[in-house]
Amino acid sequence: MPIELRRQRALRLAWGVALCLAVSFGFGLPVPILAPVFAVLLLAMRSQPLPLRAAPALAVLVLLSCGSGLLLIPLLRHAPVSGVLLVGVGVFLVLRYALKGGNGLLANLLVIGLTMIAAAGTSDFTLALSVVEALSKGMLLATLGTALAHVMFPEPADAPVQPSPPPLAAERASWVALRATLIVMPAFLLALIAPDAFMPLIMKSVSLGQQASETHARNASRELIGSTLLAGLLAILLWGALSLFVHLWMFFLWVLLFSLWQARRLYRAVATRHSPAYWVSCLTTMLILLGQSVQDSATGQDVYRAFAVRMALFLAVSVYASALLIWIDRRRARQWVH
């Protein structure tokens, strides 16, 4: 791939993410960090622009996928063990479908619907509806923002299509989906106890589950834990830079700069030893940490204490994911030997 095309795609991703973030926070959307996170997924997963008519269709798709989580709320309230098992089976089937060549975006939405919406609804059905609203508005804004980014930095007509991850064989897909499900479920169980506190942890665990699907056990520590540590460091640096002059447009410019630094490595415009999944996870984690800190500041909470707790939780789930990845792969290797 020509270096100019890689730089073009990196600029497109950075501008799309920063535009979605500025509009989302500027208009005060519920859970404003969702739009830039969705923008990362839309721009990193495909190089061709989505047609504008796809924006309402994707918003409806979010509503339908989140409906699966709403349907599980009565079961989780009255038969929690059966409900948790059903959520686990659903997450496993969705992840396996994606690994066998299914639609990755649809799989992401279904996993979020099965986990975030169901967890929020167990404590308050109104909270679940507000999360569904936030997801729909975030996806709508992300689709419009990425379309504008494609207008600003159009894909050349003769550019090669960004390759999709190759589908896995049935047995391999089942193993990888199992370990990704076991990464997501502890965060879901914690969110059942305190949805408001652990909702960002679900988003992080879903990101780790996807990253684990592309990571070999021997690279687990570097890929899973390393991306979380780097995301935390970048979030601290960005927060410090933003505190010099607090303004929405400075927020936009700093996020644009930090996103571009990571996007250039994601698209190999700058040489790096890490996989694209590493940089997607790093960027989404940085956005989640930063967005939550901005919201903590707006509500008058202790930003630094909340960041420390959130970062500790993210590191804990990353270490757990790394250890689980190695353990499951070793058990599988022993089974093949015997």
C-alpha atoms as a PDB file:
ATOM      1  CA  MET A   1       0.000   0.000   0.000  1.00  0.00           C
ATOM      2  CA  PRO A   2       1.487   3.447  -0.928  1.00  0.00           C
ATOM      3  CA  ILE A   3       2.589   5.581   2.009  1.00  0.00           C
ATOM      4  CA  GLU A   4       0.397   8.472   0.782  1.00  0.00           C
ATOM      5  CA  LEU A   5      -2.707   6.297   1.027  1.00  0.00           C
ATOM      6  CA  ARG A   6      -1.768   5.224   4.555  1.00  0.00           C
ATOM      7  CA  ARG A   7      -1.363   8.854   5.597  1.00  0.00           C
ATOM      8  CA  GLN A   8      -4.679   9.720   3.949  1.00  0.00           C
ATOM      9  CA  ARG A   9      -6.495   7.018   5.900  1.00  0.00           C
ATOM     10  CA  ALA A  10      -4.793   8.075   9.138  1.00  0.00           C
ATOM     11  CA  LEU A  11      -5.898  11.685   8.611  1.00  0.00           C
ATOM     12  CA  ARG A  12      -9.442  10.531   7.822  1.00  0.00           C
ATOM     13  CA  LEU A  13      -9.686   8.468  11.000  1.00  0.00           C
ATOM     14  CA  ALA A  14      -8.254  11.233  13.208  1.00  0.00           C
ATOM     15  CA  TRP A  15     -10.554  13.914  11.773  1.00  0.00           C
ATOM     16  CA  GLY A  16     -13.614  11.662  11.929  1.00  0.00           C
ATOM     17  CA  VAL A  17     -12.990  10.809  15.589  1.00  0.00           C
ATOM     18  CA  ALA A  18     -12.253  14.416  16.588  1.00  0.00           C
ATOM     19  CA  LEU A  19     -15.303  15.795  14.737  1.00  0.00           C
ATOM     20  CA  CYS A  20     -17.627  13.250  16.365  1.00  0.00           C
ATOM     21  CA  LEU A  21     -16.174  14.032  19.782  1.00  0.00           C
ATOM     22  CA  ALA A  22     -16.541  17.812  19.380  1.00  0.00           C
ATOM     23  CA  VAL A  23     -20.151  17.579  18.166  1.00  0.00           C
ATOM     24  CA  SER A  24     -21.075  14.970  20.767  1.00  0.00           C
ATOM     25  CA  PHE A  25     -19.757  16.993  23.704  1.00  0.00           C
ATOM     26  CA  GLY A  26     -20.833  20.298  22.180  1.00  0.00           C
ATOM     27  CA  PHE A  27     -24.465  19.236  21.925  1.00  0.00           C
ATOM     28  CA  GLY A  28     -24.377  17.404  25.257  1.00  0.00           C
ATOM     29  CA  LEU A  29     -25.453  14.026  23.925  1.00  0.00           C
ATOM     30  CA  PRO A  30     -26.032  11.287  26.500  1.00  0.00           C
ATOM     31  CA  VAL A  31     -22.827   9.242  26.951  1.00  0.00           C
ATOM     32  CA  PRO A  32     -20.994  11.553  24.513  1.00  0.00           C
ATOM     33  CA  ILE A  33     -17.946   9.307  24.161  1.00  0.00           C
ATOM     34  CA  LEU A  34     -19.952   6.667  22.244  1.00  0.00           C
ATOM     35  CA  ALA A  35     -19.944   8.608  18.954  1.00  0.00           C
ATOM     36  CA  PRO A  36     -16.126   8.875  18.645  1.00  0.00           C
ATOM     37  CA  VAL A  37     -15.716   5.227  19.734  1.00  0.00           C
ATOM     38  CA  PHE A  38     -18.167   4.149  17.027  1.00  0.00           C
ATOM     39  CA  ALA A  39     -16.298   6.385  14.565  1.00  0.00           C
ATOM     40  CA  VAL A  40     -13.080   4.474  15.325  1.00  0.00           C
ATOM     41  CA  LEU A  41     -14.836   1.195  14.547  1.00  0.00           C
ATOM     42  CA  LEU A  42     -16.462   2.459  11.343  1.00  0.00           C
ATOM     43  CA  LEU A  43     -13.272   3.991   9.945  1.00  0.00           C
ATOM     44  CA  ALA A  44     -10.850   1.283  11.072  1.00  0.00           C
ATOM     45  CA  MET A  45     -12.992  -1.615   9.822  1.00  0.00           C
ATOM     46  CA  ARG A  46     -13.629  -0.327   6.294  1.00  0.00           C
ATOM     47  CA  SER A  47     -11.960   2.081   3.877  1.00  0.00           C
ATOM     48  CA  GLN A  48     -15.046   2.817   1.777  1.00  0.00           C
ATOM     49  CA  PRO A  49     -17.592   5.408   2.993  1.00  0.00           C
ATOM     50  CA  LEU A  50     -21.027   4.374   4.122  1.00  0.00           C
ATOM     51  CA  PRO A  51     -23.834   6.010   2.113  1.00  0.00           C
ATOM     52  CA  LEU A  52     -25.719   8.712   3.998  1.00  0.00           C
ATOM     53  CA  ARG A  53     -28.919   6.702   3.730  1.00  0.00           C
ATOM     54  CA  ALA A  54     -27.192   4.099   5.906  1.00  0.00           C
ATOM     55  CA  ALA A  55     -27.200   6.476   8.906  1.00  0.00           C
ATOM     56  CA  PRO A  56     -30.862   5.980   9.892  1.00  0.00           C
ATOM     57  CA  ALA A  57     -30.590   2.301   8.981  1.00  0.00           C
ATOM     58  CA  LEU A  58     -27.673   1.867  11.385  1.00  0.00           C
ATOM     59  CA  ALA A  59     -29.562   3.737  14.107  1.00  0.00           C
ATOM     60  CA  VAL A  60     -32.483   1.337  13.637  1.00  0.00           C
ATOM     61  CA  LEU A  61     -30.009  -1.568  13.684  1.00  0.00           C
ATOM     62  CA  VAL A  62     -28.754  -0.323  17.055  1.00  0.00           C
ATOM     63  CA  LEU A  63     -32.319  -0.222  18.380  1.00  0.00           C
ATOM     64  CA  LEU A  64     -33.006  -3.769  17.173  1.00  0.00           C
ATOM     65  CA  SER A  65     -29.725  -5.188  18.502  1.00  0.00           C
ATOM     66  CA  CYS A  66     -30.228  -3.476  21.847  1.00  0.00           C
ATOM     67  CA  GLY A  67     -33.698  -4.973  21.987  1.00  0.00           C
ATOM     68  CA  SER A  68     -32.058  -8.324  22.688  1.00  0.00           C
ATOM     69  CA  GLY A  69     -30.723  -6.873  25.928  1.00  0.00           C
ATOM     70  CA  LEU A  70     -34.113  -5.433  26.881  1.00  0.00           C
ATOM     71  CA  LEU A  71     -35.751  -8.839  26.411  1.00  0.00           C
ATOM     72  CA  LEU A  72     -33.291 -10.400  28.859  1.00  0.00           C
ATOM     73  CA  ILE A  73     -34.005  -7.956  31.693  1.00  0.00           C
ATOM     74  CA  PRO A  74     -37.020  -9.868  33.183  1.00  0.00           C
ATOM     75  CA  LEU A  75     -35.055 -13.120  33.115  1.00  0.00           C
ATOM     76  CA  LEU A  76     -32.044 -11.524  34.836  1.00  0.00           C
ATOM     77  CA  ARG A  77     -34.305 -10.093  37.531  1.00  0.00           C
ATOM     78  CA  HIS A  78     -36.318 -13.225  38.310  1.00  0.00           C
ATOM     79  CA  ALA A  79     -33.918 -16.038  37.325  1.00  0.00           C
ATOM     80  CA  PRO A  80     -30.451 -14.462  37.454  1.00  0.00           C
ATOM     81  CA  VAL A  81     -28.421 -17.648  36.982  1.00  0.00           C
ATOM     82  CA  SER A  82     -30.334 -18.640  33.867  1.00  0.00           C
ATOM     83  CA  GLY A  83     -30.174 -15.065  32.606  1.00  0.00           C
ATOM     84  CA  VAL A  84     -26.400 -14.820  33.013  1.00  0.00           C
ATOM     85  CA  LEU A  85     -25.914 -18.183  31.281  1.00  0.00           C
ATOM     86  CA  LEU A  86     -28.144 -17.073  28.411  1.00  0.00           C
ATOM     87  CA  VAL A  87     -26.162 -13.842  28.049  1.00  0.00           C
ATOM     88  CA  GLY A  88     -22.923 -15.863  27.985  1.00  0.00           C
ATOM     89  CA  VAL A  89     -24.245 -18.204  25.308  1.00  0.00           C
ATOM     90  CA  GLY A  90     -25.509 -15.265  23.268  1.00  0.00           C
ATOM     91  CA  VAL A  91     -22.153 -13.443  23.443  1.00  0.00           C
ATOM     92  CA  PHE A  92     -20.343 -16.652  22.461  1.00  0.00           C
ATOM     93  CA  LEU A  93     -22.589 -17.268  19.438  1.00  0.00           C
ATOM     94  CA  VAL A  94     -22.306 -13.652  18.254  1.00  0.00           C
ATOM     95  CA  LEU A  95     -18.504 -13.630  18.553  1.00  0.00           C
ATOM     96  CA  ARG A  96     -18.227 -16.977  16.784  1.00  0.00           C
ATOM     97  CA  TYR A  97     -20.443 -15.663  13.979  1.00  0.00           C
ATOM     98  CA  ALA A  98     -18.094 -12.677  13.540  1.00  0.00           C
ATOM     99  CA  LEU A  99     -14.952 -14.835  13.597  1.00  0.00           C
ATOM    100  CA  LYS A 100     -16.356 -17.133  10.905  1.00  0.00           C
ATOM    101  CA  GLY A 101     -16.645 -14.171   8.537  1.00  0.00           C
ATOM    102  CA  GLY A 102     -19.813 -12.447   9.765  1.00  0.00           C
ATOM    103  CA  ASN A 103     -20.477  -8.705   9.952  1.00  0.00           C
ATOM    104  CA  GLY A 104     -18.119  -7.313  12.606  1.00  0.00           C
ATOM    105  CA  LEU A 105     -20.116  -4.129  13.206  1.00  0.00           C
ATOM    106  CA  LEU A 106     -23.340  -6.076  13.752  1.00  0.00           C
ATOM    107  CA  ALA A 107     -21.510  -8.391  16.154  1.00  0.00           C
ATOM    108  CA  ASN A 108     -20.239  -5.415  18.161  1.00  0.00           C
ATOM    109  CA  LEU A 109     -23.733  -3.969  18.450  1.00  0.00           C
ATOM    110  CA  LEU A 110     -25.230  -7.289  19.502  1.00  0.00           C
ATOM    111  CA  VAL A 111     -22.582  -7.844  22.195  1.00  0.00           C
ATOM    112  CA  ILE A 112     -23.165  -4.331  23.547  1.00  0.00           C
ATOM    113  CA  GLY A 113     -26.920  -4.924  23.510  1.00  0.00           C
ATOM    114  CA  LEU A 114     -26.611  -8.231  25.323  1.00  0.00           C
ATOM    115  CA  THR A 115     -24.298  -6.850  28.014  1.00  0.00           C
ATOM    116  CA  MET A 116     -24.633  -3.089  28.574  1.00  0.00           C
ATOM    117  CA  ILE A 117     -28.380  -2.849  28.057  1.00  0.00           C
ATOM    118  CA  ALA A 118     -29.186  -5.967  30.074  1.00  0.00           C
ATOM    119  CA  ALA A 119     -26.925  -4.870  32.941  1.00  0.00           C
ATOM    120  CA  ALA A 120     -28.403  -1.364  33.025  1.00  0.00           C
ATOM    121  CA  GLY A 121     -31.972  -2.679  32.954  1.00  0.00           C
ATOM    122  CA  THR A 122     -31.556  -4.979  35.958  1.00  0.00           C
ATOM    123  CA  SER A 123     -31.334  -1.962  38.277  1.00  0.00           C
ATOM    124  CA  ASP A 124     -33.481   0.547  36.394  1.00  0.00           C
ATOM    125  CA  PHE A 125     -35.414   0.036  33.166  1.00  0.00           C
ATOM    126  CA  THR A 126     -35.314   3.789  32.518  1.00  0.00           C
ATOM    127  CA  LEU A 127     -31.511   3.642  32.630  1.00  0.00           C
ATOM    128  CA  ALA A 128     -31.546   0.880  30.011  1.00  0.00           C
ATOM    129  CA  LEU A 129     -33.751   2.986  27.729  1.00  0.00           C
ATOM    130  CA  SER A 130     -31.415   5.964  28.165  1.00  0.00           C
ATOM    131  CA  VAL A 131     -28.439   3.786  27.177  1.00  0.00           C
ATOM    132  CA  VAL A 132     -30.343   2.602  24.077  1.00  0.00           C
ATOM    133  CA  GLU A 133     -31.036   6.246  23.205  1.00  0.00           C
ATOM    134  CA  ALA A 134     -27.357   7.115  23.717  1.00  0.00           C
ATOM    135  CA  LEU A 135     -26.218   4.233  21.510  1.00  0.00           C
ATOM    136  CA  SER A 136     -28.646   5.181  18.716  1.00  0.00           C
ATOM    137  CA  LYS A 137     -27.668   8.858  18.741  1.00  0.00           C
ATOM    138  CA  GLY A 138     -23.984   7.944  18.976  1.00  0.00           C
ATOM    139  CA  MET A 139     -24.196   5.636  15.954  1.00  0.00           C
ATOM    140  CA  LEU A 140     -26.161   8.218  13.946  1.00  0.00           C
ATOM    141  CA  LEU A 141     -23.579  10.912  14.687  1.00  0.00           C
ATOM    142  CA  ALA A 142     -20.676   8.535  14.001  1.00  0.00           C
ATOM    143  CA  THR A 143     -22.111   7.638  10.583  1.00  0.00           C
ATOM    144  CA  LEU A 144     -22.538  11.307   9.640  1.00  0.00           C
ATOM    145  CA  GLY A 145     -19.119  12.227  11.020  1.00  0.00           C
ATOM    146  CA  THR A 146     -17.327   9.459   9.159  1.00  0.00           C
ATOM    147  CA  ALA A 147     -19.145  10.403   5.948  1.00  0.00           C
ATOM    148  CA  LEU A 148     -17.867  13.982   6.353  1.00  0.00           C
ATOM    149  CA  ALA A 149     -14.359  12.654   7.009  1.00  0.00           C
ATOM    150  CA  HIS A 150     -14.556  10.705   3.738  1.00  0.00           C
ATOM    151  CA  VAL A 151     -15.554  13.911   1.930  1.00  0.00           C
ATOM    152  CA  MET A 152     -12.574  15.735   3.445  1.00  0.00           C
ATOM    153  CA  PHE A 153     -10.154  12.890   2.703  1.00  0.00           C
ATOM    154  CA  PRO A 154     -11.681  10.832  -0.130  1.00  0.00           C
ATOM    155  CA  GLU A 155     -10.488   7.340  -0.924  1.00  0.00           C
ATOM    156  CA  PRO A 156      -8.771   7.206  -4.347  1.00  0.00           C
ATOM    157  CA  ALA A 157     -10.725   5.308  -6.983  1.00  0.00           C
ATOM    158  CA  ASP A 158      -7.880   2.863  -7.613  1.00  0.00           C
ATOM    159  CA  ALA A 159      -7.054   2.324  -3.921  1.00  0.00           C
ATOM    160  CA  PRO A 160      -6.969  -1.285  -2.730  1.00  0.00           C
ATOM    161  CA  VAL A 161      -9.827  -2.263  -0.456  1.00  0.00           C
ATOM    162  CA  GLN A 162      -8.850  -2.572   3.179  1.00  0.00           C
ATOM    163  CA  PRO A 163      -8.593  -6.318   3.830  1.00  0.00           C
ATOM    164  CA  SER A 164     -10.970  -7.932   6.314  1.00  0.00           C
ATOM    165  CA  PRO A 165      -9.675 -10.465   8.843  1.00  0.00           C
ATOM    166  CA  PRO A 166      -9.797 -13.922   7.248  1.00  0.00           C
ATOM    167  CA  PRO A 167     -12.585 -16.176   8.594  1.00  0.00           C
ATOM    168  CA  LEU A 168     -11.468 -18.856  10.999  1.00  0.00           C
ATOM    169  CA  ALA A 169     -12.235 -22.549  10.726  1.00  0.00           C
ATOM    170  CA  ALA A 170     -15.206 -23.727  12.807  1.00  0.00           C
ATOM    171  CA  GLU A 171     -13.156 -25.342  15.587  1.00  0.00           C
ATOM    172  CA  ARG A 172     -10.666 -22.480  15.825  1.00  0.00           C
ATOM    173  CA  ALA A 173     -13.495 -19.918  15.802  1.00  0.00           C
ATOM    174  CA  SER A 174     -15.206 -21.712  18.703  1.00  0.00           C
ATOM    175  CA  TRP A 175     -12.037 -21.657  20.828  1.00  0.00           C
ATOM    176  CA  VAL A 176     -11.332 -17.990  20.129  1.00  0.00           C
ATOM    177  CA  ALA A 177     -14.980 -17.031  20.741  1.00  0.00           C
ATOM    178  CA  LEU A 178     -14.915 -18.933  24.045  1.00  0.00           C
ATOM    179  CA  ARG A 179     -11.904 -17.067  25.391  1.00  0.00           C
ATOM    180  CA  ALA A 180     -13.324 -13.721  24.200  1.00  0.00           C
ATOM    181  CA  THR A 181     -16.618 -14.523  25.965  1.00  0.00           C
ATOM    182  CA  LEU A 182     -14.787 -15.361  29.187  1.00  0.00           C
ATOM    183  CA  ILE A 183     -13.082 -11.959  28.978  1.00  0.00           C
ATOM    184  CA  VAL A 184     -16.386 -10.097  28.592  1.00  0.00           C
ATOM    185  CA  MET A 185     -18.470 -11.921  31.213  1.00  0.00           C
ATOM    186  CA  PRO A 186     -16.684 -10.789  34.450  1.00  0.00           C
ATOM    187  CA  ALA A 187     -17.210  -7.147  33.477  1.00  0.00           C
ATOM    188  CA  PHE A 188     -20.869  -7.930  32.782  1.00  0.00           C
ATOM    189  CA  LEU A 189     -21.258  -9.530  36.227  1.00  0.00           C
ATOM    190  CA  LEU A 190     -19.720  -6.459  37.887  1.00  0.00           C
ATOM    191  CA  ALA A 191     -22.055  -4.212  35.908  1.00  0.00           C
ATOM    192  CA  LEU A 192     -25.027  -6.168  37.258  1.00  0.00           C
ATOM    193  CA  ILE A 193     -23.983  -5.019  40.743  1.00  0.00           C
ATOM    194  CA  ALA A 194     -23.357  -1.343  39.894  1.00  0.00           C
ATOM    195  CA  PRO A 195     -24.214  -0.429  36.278  1.00  0.00           C
ATOM    196  CA  ASP A 196     -23.194   3.234  36.544  1.00  0.00           C
ATOM    197  CA  ALA A 197     -19.734   2.405  37.895  1.00  0.00           C
ATOM    198  CA  PHE A 198     -18.875  -0.542  35.653  1.00  0.00           C
ATOM    199  CA  MET A 199     -20.463   0.395  32.318  1.00  0.00           C
ATOM    200  CA  PRO A 200     -17.124   1.685  30.920  1.00  0.00           C
ATOM    201  CA  LEU A 201     -15.543  -1.601  31.992  1.00  0.00           C
ATOM    202  CA  ILE A 202     -17.937  -3.499  29.710  1.00  0.00           C
ATOM    203  CA  MET A 203     -16.838  -1.349  26.757  1.00  0.00           C
ATOM    204  CA  LYS A 204     -13.206  -2.043  27.624  1.00  0.00           C
ATOM    205  CA  SER A 205     -13.778  -5.801  27.998  1.00  0.00           C
ATOM    206  CA  VAL A 206     -15.560  -5.953  24.619  1.00  0.00           C
ATOM    207  CA  SER A 207     -12.542  -4.201  23.086  1.00  0.00           C
ATOM    208  CA  LEU A 208     -10.198  -6.690  24.781  1.00  0.00           C
ATOM    209  CA  GLY A 209     -12.341  -9.608  23.616  1.00  0.00           C
ATOM    210  CA  GLN A 210     -11.979  -8.450  20.017  1.00  0.00           C
ATOM    211  CA  GLN A 211      -8.267  -7.858  20.474  1.00  0.00           C
ATOM    212  CA  ALA A 212      -7.830 -11.348  21.940  1.00  0.00           C
ATOM    213  CA  SER A 213      -9.396 -12.824  18.816  1.00  0.00           C
ATOM    214  CA  GLU A 214      -6.426 -11.534  16.813  1.00  0.00           C
ATOM    215  CA  THR A 215      -3.707 -12.135  19.415  1.00  0.00           C
ATOM    216  CA  HIS A 216      -1.601 -15.237  19.945  1.00  0.00           C
ATOM    217  CA  ALA A 217      -0.975 -16.283  23.537  1.00  0.00           C
ATOM    218  CA  ARG A 218       2.728 -15.497  23.378  1.00  0.00           C
ATOM    219  CA  ASN A 219       1.958 -11.866  22.498  1.00  0.00           C
ATOM    220  CA  ALA A 220      -0.897 -11.499  25.004  1.00  0.00           C
ATOM    221  CA  SER A 221       0.884  -9.415  27.639  1.00  0.00           C
ATOM    222  CA  ARG A 222       2.312  -6.975  25.105  1.00  0.00           C
ATOM    223  CA  GLU A 223      -0.913  -6.622  23.129  1.00  0.00           C
ATOM    224  CA  LEU A 224      -3.542  -6.573  25.894  1.00  0.00           C
ATOM    225  CA  ILE A 225      -1.759  -5.008  28.863  1.00  0.00           C
ATOM    226  CA  GLY A 226       0.520  -2.799  26.773  1.00  0.00           C
ATOM    227  CA  SER A 227      -2.325  -1.127  24.883  1.00  0.00           C
ATOM    228  CA  THR A 228      -4.129  -0.370  28.163  1.00  0.00           C
ATOM    229  CA  LEU A 229      -1.031   1.149  29.778  1.00  0.00           C
ATOM    230  CA  LEU A 230      -0.276   3.274  26.719  1.00  0.00           C
ATOM    231  CA  ALA A 231      -3.915   4.431  26.536  1.00  0.00           C
ATOM    232  CA  GLY A 232      -3.786   5.499  30.190  1.00  0.00           C
ATOM    233  CA  LEU A 233      -0.545   7.420  29.637  1.00  0.00           C
ATOM    234  CA  LEU A 234      -1.940   9.171  26.547  1.00  0.00           C
ATOM    235  CA  ALA A 235      -5.154  10.057  28.417  1.00  0.00           C
ATOM    236  CA  ILE A 236      -3.083  11.624  31.234  1.00  0.00           C
ATOM    237  CA  LEU A 237      -0.979  13.616  28.764  1.00  0.00           C
ATOM    238  CA  LEU A 238      -4.048  14.804  26.866  1.00  0.00           C
ATOM    239  CA  TRP A 239      -5.825  15.790  30.092  1.00  0.00           C
ATOM    240  CA  GLY A 240      -2.759  17.763  31.196  1.00  0.00           C
ATOM    241  CA  ALA A 241      -2.559  19.531  27.827  1.00  0.00           C
ATOM    242  CA  LEU A 242      -6.289  20.318  27.902  1.00  0.00           C
ATOM    243  CA  SER A 243      -6.033  21.793  31.413  1.00  0.00           C
ATOM    244  CA  LEU A 244      -3.720  24.530  30.050  1.00  0.00           C
ATOM    245  CA  PHE A 245      -6.686  26.044  28.208  1.00  0.00           C
ATOM    246  CA  VAL A 246     -10.083  24.479  28.735  1.00  0.00           C
ATOM    247  CA  HIS A 247     -12.242  24.940  25.659  1.00  0.00           C
ATOM    248  CA  LEU A 248     -14.234  22.665  23.372  1.00  0.00           C
ATOM    249  CA  TRP A 249     -12.137  23.558  20.329  1.00  0.00           C
ATOM    250  CA  MET A 250      -8.908  22.861  22.218  1.00  0.00           C
ATOM    251  CA  PHE A 251     -10.439  19.522  23.207  1.00  0.00           C
ATOM    252  CA  PHE A 252     -11.094  18.898  19.508  1.00  0.00           C
ATOM    253  CA  LEU A 253      -7.552  19.854  18.469  1.00  0.00           C
ATOM    254  CA  TRP A 254      -5.805  17.796  21.158  1.00  0.00           C
ATOM    255  CA  VAL A 255      -7.910  14.711  20.381  1.00  0.00           C
ATOM    256  CA  LEU A 256      -7.189  15.246  16.678  1.00  0.00           C
ATOM    257  CA  LEU A 257      -3.445  15.319  17.393  1.00  0.00           C
ATOM    258  CA  PHE A 258      -3.411  12.278  19.697  1.00  0.00           C
ATOM    259  CA  SER A 259      -5.709  10.298  17.398  1.00  0.00           C
ATOM    260  CA  LEU A 260      -3.513  11.086  14.397  1.00  0.00           C
ATOM    261  CA  TRP A 261      -0.413   9.870  16.284  1.00  0.00           C
ATOM    262  CA  GLN A 262      -2.091   6.506  16.853  1.00  0.00           C
ATOM    263  CA  ALA A 263      -3.802   6.312  13.444  1.00  0.00           C
ATOM    264  CA  ARG A 264      -0.457   6.693  11.643  1.00  0.00           C
ATOM    265  CA  ARG A 265       0.744   3.587  13.451  1.00  0.00           C
ATOM    266  CA  LEU A 266      -2.529   1.736  12.917  1.00  0.00           C
ATOM    267  CA  TYR A 267      -2.200   2.150   9.135  1.00  0.00           C
ATOM    268  CA  ARG A 268       1.592   1.568   9.163  1.00  0.00           C
ATOM    269  CA  ALA A 269       2.396   5.099   7.981  1.00  0.00           C
ATOM    270  CA  VAL A 270       4.914   4.889  10.836  1.00  0.00           C
ATOM    271  CA  ALA A 271       6.707   1.597  11.416  1.00  0.00           C
ATOM    272  CA  THR A 272       5.498  -0.288  14.480  1.00  0.00           C
ATOM    273  CA  ARG A 273       5.771  -3.826  15.781  1.00  0.00           C
ATOM    274  CA  HIS A 274       2.216  -3.819  17.153  1.00  0.00           C
ATOM    275  CA  SER A 275      -0.856  -5.121  15.313  1.00  0.00           C
ATOM    276  CA  PRO A 276      -3.713  -2.870  14.108  1.00  0.00           C
ATOM    277  CA  ALA A 277      -5.900  -4.364  16.872  1.00  0.00           C
ATOM    278  CA  TYR A 278      -3.420  -3.008  19.432  1.00  0.00           C
ATOM    279  CA  TRP A 279      -3.824   0.562  18.160  1.00  0.00           C
ATOM    280  CA  VAL A 280      -7.625   0.324  17.799  1.00  0.00           C
ATOM    281  CA  SER A 281      -7.832  -0.893  21.399  1.00  0.00           C
ATOM    282  CA  CYS A 282      -5.424   1.823  22.560  1.00  0.00           C
ATOM    283  CA  LEU A 283      -7.391   4.599  20.845  1.00  0.00           C
ATOM    284  CA  THR A 284     -10.805   3.421  22.070  1.00  0.00           C
ATOM    285  CA  THR A 285      -9.507   2.968  25.627  1.00  0.00           C
ATOM    286  CA  MET A 286      -7.964   6.459  25.613  1.00  0.00           C
ATOM    287  CA  LEU A 287     -11.277   7.931  24.438  1.00  0.00           C
ATOM    288  CA  ILE A 288     -13.260   6.061  27.107  1.00  0.00           C
ATOM    289  CA  LEU A 289     -10.904   7.174  29.894  1.00  0.00           C
ATOM    290  CA  LEU A 290     -10.828  10.754  28.658  1.00  0.00           C
ATOM    291  CA  GLY A 291     -14.580  11.000  28.095  1.00  0.00           C
ATOM    292  CA  GLN A 292     -15.366   9.673  31.559  1.00  0.00           C
ATOM    293  CA  SER A 293     -12.898  12.141  33.121  1.00  0.00           C
ATOM    294  CA  VAL A 294     -14.552  15.066  31.319  1.00  0.00           C
ATOM    295  CA  GLN A 295     -17.963  13.934  32.547  1.00  0.00           C
ATOM    296  CA  ASP A 296     -16.608  13.477  36.094  1.00  0.00           C
ATOM    297  CA  SER A 297     -15.284  17.043  35.966  1.00  0.00           C
ATOM    298  CA  ALA A 298     -18.635  18.380  34.728  1.00  0.00           C
ATOM    299  CA  THR A 299     -20.485  16.706  37.623  1.00  0.00           C
ATOM    300  CA  GLY A 300     -18.023  17.927  40.252  1.00  0.00           C
ATOM    301  CA  GLN A 301     -16.460  14.562  41.099  1.00  0.00           C
ATOM    302  CA  ASP A 302     -12.833  14.006  42.040  1.00  0.00           C
ATOM    303  CA  VAL A 303     -11.419  13.445  38.548  1.00  0.00           C
ATOM    304  CA  TYR A 304      -8.055  12.054  39.602  1.00  0.00           C
ATOM    305  CA  ARG A 305      -9.449   9.565  42.089  1.00  0.00           C
ATOM    306  CA  ALA A 306     -12.092   8.378  39.590  1.00  0.00           C
ATOM    307  CA  PHE A 307      -9.421   8.045  36.882  1.00  0.00           C
ATOM    308  CA  ALA A 308      -7.155   6.021  39.190  1.00  0.00           C
ATOM    309  CA  VAL A 309      -9.994   3.627  40.079  1.00  0.00           C
ATOM    310  CA  ARG A 310     -11.067   3.276  36.451  1.00  0.00           C
ATOM    311  CA  MET A 311      -7.514   2.731  35.242  1.00  0.00           C
ATOM    312  CA  ALA A 312      -6.940   0.094  37.950  1.00  0.00           C
ATOM    313  CA  LEU A 313     -10.084  -1.739  36.797  1.00  0.00           C
ATOM    314  CA  PHE A 314      -9.012  -1.566  33.153  1.00  0.00           C
ATOM    315  CA  LEU A 315      -5.574  -2.929  34.031  1.00  0.00           C
ATOM    316  CA  ALA A 316      -7.114  -5.681  36.143  1.00  0.00           C
ATOM    317  CA  VAL A 317      -9.362  -6.855  33.315  1.00  0.00           C
ATOM    318  CA  SER A 318      -6.394  -6.652  30.894  1.00  0.00           C
ATOM    319  CA  VAL A 319      -4.218  -8.813  33.164  1.00  0.00           C
ATOM    320  CA  TYR A 320      -7.114 -11.251  33.582  1.00  0.00           C
ATOM    321  CA  ALA A 321      -7.629 -11.374  29.807  1.00  0.00           C
ATOM    322  CA  SER A 322      -3.928 -11.996  29.222  1.00  0.00           C
ATOM    323  CA  ALA A 323      -3.746 -14.801  31.809  1.00  0.00           C
ATOM    324  CA  LEU A 324      -6.951 -16.386  30.521  1.00  0.00           C
ATOM    325  CA  LEU A 325      -5.697 -16.274  26.945  1.00  0.00           C
ATOM    326  CA  ILE A 326      -2.487 -18.109  27.852  1.00  0.00           C
ATOM    327  CA  TRP A 327      -4.272 -20.665  30.088  1.00  0.00           C
ATOM    328  CA  ILE A 328      -6.903 -21.593  27.486  1.00  0.00           C
ATOM    329  CA  ASP A 329      -4.357 -21.900  24.678  1.00  0.00           C
ATOM    330  CA  ARG A 330      -2.137 -24.129  26.824  1.00  0.00           C
ATOM    331  CA  ARG A 331      -5.073 -26.405  27.692  1.00  0.00           C
ATOM    332  CA  ARG A 332      -5.980 -26.607  24.037  1.00  0.00           C
ATOM    333  CA  ALA A 333      -2.373 -27.459  23.133  1.00  0.00           C
ATOM    334  CA  ARG A 334      -2.309 -30.259  25.753  1.00  0.00           C
ATOM    335  CA  GLN A 335      -5.547 -31.675  24.333  1.00  0.00           C
ATOM    336  CA  TRP A 336      -3.980 -31.803  20.879  1.00  0.00           C
ATOM    337  CA  VAL A 337      -0.923 -33.603  22.308  1.00  0.00           C
ATOM    338  CA  HIS A 338      -3.064 -36.262  24.006  1.00  0.00           C
END
